[in-house]
C-alpha atoms as a PDB file:
ATOM      1  CA  MET A   1      36.839  62.176  53.567  1.00  0.00           C
ATOM      2  CA  THR A   2      37.512  65.187  51.246  1.00  0.00           C
ATOM      3  CA  ASP A   3      35.131  63.989  48.599  1.00  0.00           C
ATOM      4  CA  ASN A   4      34.223  67.099  46.669  1.00  0.00           C
ATOM      5  CA  ILE A   5      31.735  67.886  44.113  1.00  0.00           C
ATOM      6  CA  SER A   6      33.342  68.564  40.773  1.00  0.00           C
ATOM      7  CA  ARG A   7      32.759  72.239  39.356  1.00  0.00           C
ATOM      8  CA  GLN A   8      30.905  70.581  36.288  1.00  0.00           C
ATOM      9  CA  THR A   9      28.623  68.626  38.449  1.00  0.00           C
ATOM     10  CA  LEU A  10      27.802  71.906  40.447  1.00  0.00           C
ATOM     11  CA  PHE A  11      27.149  73.895  37.337  1.00  0.00           C
ATOM     12  CA  VAL A  12      24.733  71.150  35.737  1.00  0.00           C
ATOM     13  CA  LEU A  13      22.804  71.212  39.259  1.00  0.00           C
ATOM     14  CA  VAL A  14      22.387  74.794  39.167  1.00  0.00           C
ATOM     15  CA  VAL A  15      21.311  74.883  35.566  1.00  0.00           C
ATOM     16  CA  LEU A  16      18.892  72.155  36.147  1.00  0.00           C
ATOM     17  CA  THR A  17      17.468  73.897  39.149  1.00  0.00           C
ATOM     18  CA  LEU A  18      17.115  77.390  37.170  1.00  0.00           C
ATOM     19  CA  ILE A  19      15.280  75.281  34.285  1.00  0.00           C
ATOM     20  CA  ILE A  20      12.973  73.595  36.632  1.00  0.00           C
ATOM     21  CA  SER A  21      12.253  76.984  38.699  1.00  0.00           C
ATOM     22  CA  PHE A  22      11.459  78.622  35.381  1.00  0.00           C
ATOM     23  CA  VAL A  23       9.360  76.005  33.928  1.00  0.00           C
ATOM     24  CA  GLY A  24       7.323  75.678  37.119  1.00  0.00           C
ATOM     25  CA  THR A  25       6.713  79.507  37.314  1.00  0.00           C
ATOM     26  CA  TRP A  26       5.726  79.625  33.783  1.00  0.00           C
ATOM     27  CA  THR A  27       3.188  76.662  34.362  1.00  0.00           C
ATOM     28  CA  VAL A  28       1.711  78.243  37.166  1.00  0.00           C
ATOM     29  CA  LEU A  29       1.258  81.570  35.976  1.00  0.00           C
ATOM     30  CA  SER A  30      -0.190  80.404  32.880  1.00  0.00           C
ATOM     31  CA  GLN A  31      -2.674  78.142  34.813  1.00  0.00           C
ATOM     32  CA  ILE A  32      -3.544  81.427  36.774  1.00  0.00           C
ATOM     33  CA  ASN A  33      -3.989  83.518  33.342  1.00  0.00           C
ATOM     34  CA  SER A  34      -6.321  80.850  31.798  1.00  0.00           C
ATOM     35  CA  GLY A  35      -8.436  80.419  34.931  1.00  0.00           C
ATOM     36  CA  LEU A  36      -9.036  84.142  35.246  1.00  0.00           C
ATOM     37  CA  THR A  37     -10.221  84.360  31.541  1.00  0.00           C
ATOM     38  CA  MET A  38     -12.465  81.391  32.050  1.00  0.00           C
ATOM     39  CA  GLN A  39     -14.633  82.637  34.908  1.00  0.00           C
ATOM     40  CA  SER A  40     -17.908  84.477  34.439  1.00  0.00           C
ATOM     41  CA  PRO A  41     -19.078  86.933  36.802  1.00  0.00           C
ATOM     42  CA  ALA A  42     -21.027  85.471  39.855  1.00  0.00           C
ATOM     43  CA  PRO A  43     -24.479  86.563  39.722  1.00  0.00           C
ATOM     44  CA  LYS A  44     -25.625  89.374  41.914  1.00  0.00           C
ATOM     45  CA  GLN A  45     -27.560  87.807  44.952  1.00  0.00           C
ATOM     46  CA  THR A  46     -29.055  89.720  48.048  1.00  0.00           C
ATOM     47  CA  SER A  47     -30.013  88.260  51.059  1.00  0.00           C
ATOM     48  CA  THR A  48     -31.006  89.528  54.772  1.00  0.00           C
ATOM     49  CA  GLY A  49     -30.559  88.408  58.083  1.00  0.00           C
ATOM     50  CA  LYS A  50     -30.586  88.739  61.999  1.00  0.00           C
ATOM     51  CA  VAL A  51     -27.883  88.233  64.131  1.00  0.00           C
ATOM     52  CA  GLN A  52     -28.135  88.455  67.997  1.00  0.00           C
ATOM     53  CA  LEU A  53     -25.173  88.420  70.479  1.00  0.00           C
ATOM     54  CA  GLU A  54     -25.337  87.779  74.157  1.00  0.00           C
ATOM     55  CA  VAL A  55     -22.663  88.452  76.252  1.00  0.00           C
ATOM     56  CA  ARG A  56     -22.817  86.904  79.638  1.00  0.00           C
ATOM     57  CA  GLN A  57     -20.155  86.717  82.613  1.00  0.00           C
ATOM     58  CA  PRO A  58     -18.947  83.364  83.382  1.00  0.00           C
ATOM     59  CA  SER A  59     -20.041  81.845  86.807  1.00  0.00           C
ATOM     60  CA  ILE A  60     -16.780  80.297  87.357  1.00  0.00           C
ATOM     61  CA  PRO A  61     -13.680  82.468  86.819  1.00  0.00           C
ATOM     62  CA  SER A  62     -11.588  81.246  84.096  1.00  0.00           C
ATOM     63  CA  GLN A  63      -7.696  82.008  83.218  1.00  0.00           C
ATOM     64  CA  THR A  64      -8.770  81.495  79.577  1.00  0.00           C
ATOM     65  CA  THR A  65      -8.518  84.713  77.327  1.00  0.00           C
ATOM     66  CA  GLY A  66      -9.358  85.239  73.679  1.00  0.00           C
ATOM     67  CA  GLN A  67      -9.868  87.873  71.342  1.00  0.00           C
ATOM     68  CA  VAL A  68     -12.583  87.824  68.460  1.00  0.00           C
ATOM     69  CA  ILE A  69     -12.427  90.369  65.621  1.00  0.00           C
ATOM     70  CA  PHE A  70     -15.487  90.707  62.976  1.00  0.00           C
ATOM     71  CA  THR A  71     -15.871  93.308  60.135  1.00  0.00           C
ATOM     72  CA  ILE A  72     -19.402  94.334  59.067  1.00  0.00           C
ATOM     73  CA  GLN A  73     -19.196  95.530  55.531  1.00  0.00           C
ATOM     74  CA  ASN A  74     -22.410  97.697  54.672  1.00  0.00           C
ATOM     75  CA  GLN A  75     -23.340  97.223  50.597  1.00  0.00           C
ATOM     76  CA  LYS A  76     -25.202  99.843  48.853  1.00  0.00           C
ATOM     77  CA  PRO A  77     -28.111  98.852  47.093  1.00  0.00           C
END
């Protein structure tokens, strides 16, 4: 079983792969560029809110651990 792919077939497959990659990349980039120019800026909105956080010790010891990370960003009015 020494069926090998000929060099011509391999060359054609490589060229087709390059062409498909180039066309795909070009299409995606053109879609991104056209989408960015058509978007209008979002209207400025302000809102207020109140957040409360209460941390309690569990009544039953637990082996579960976790981590929560959150960031509060202050916006200048």
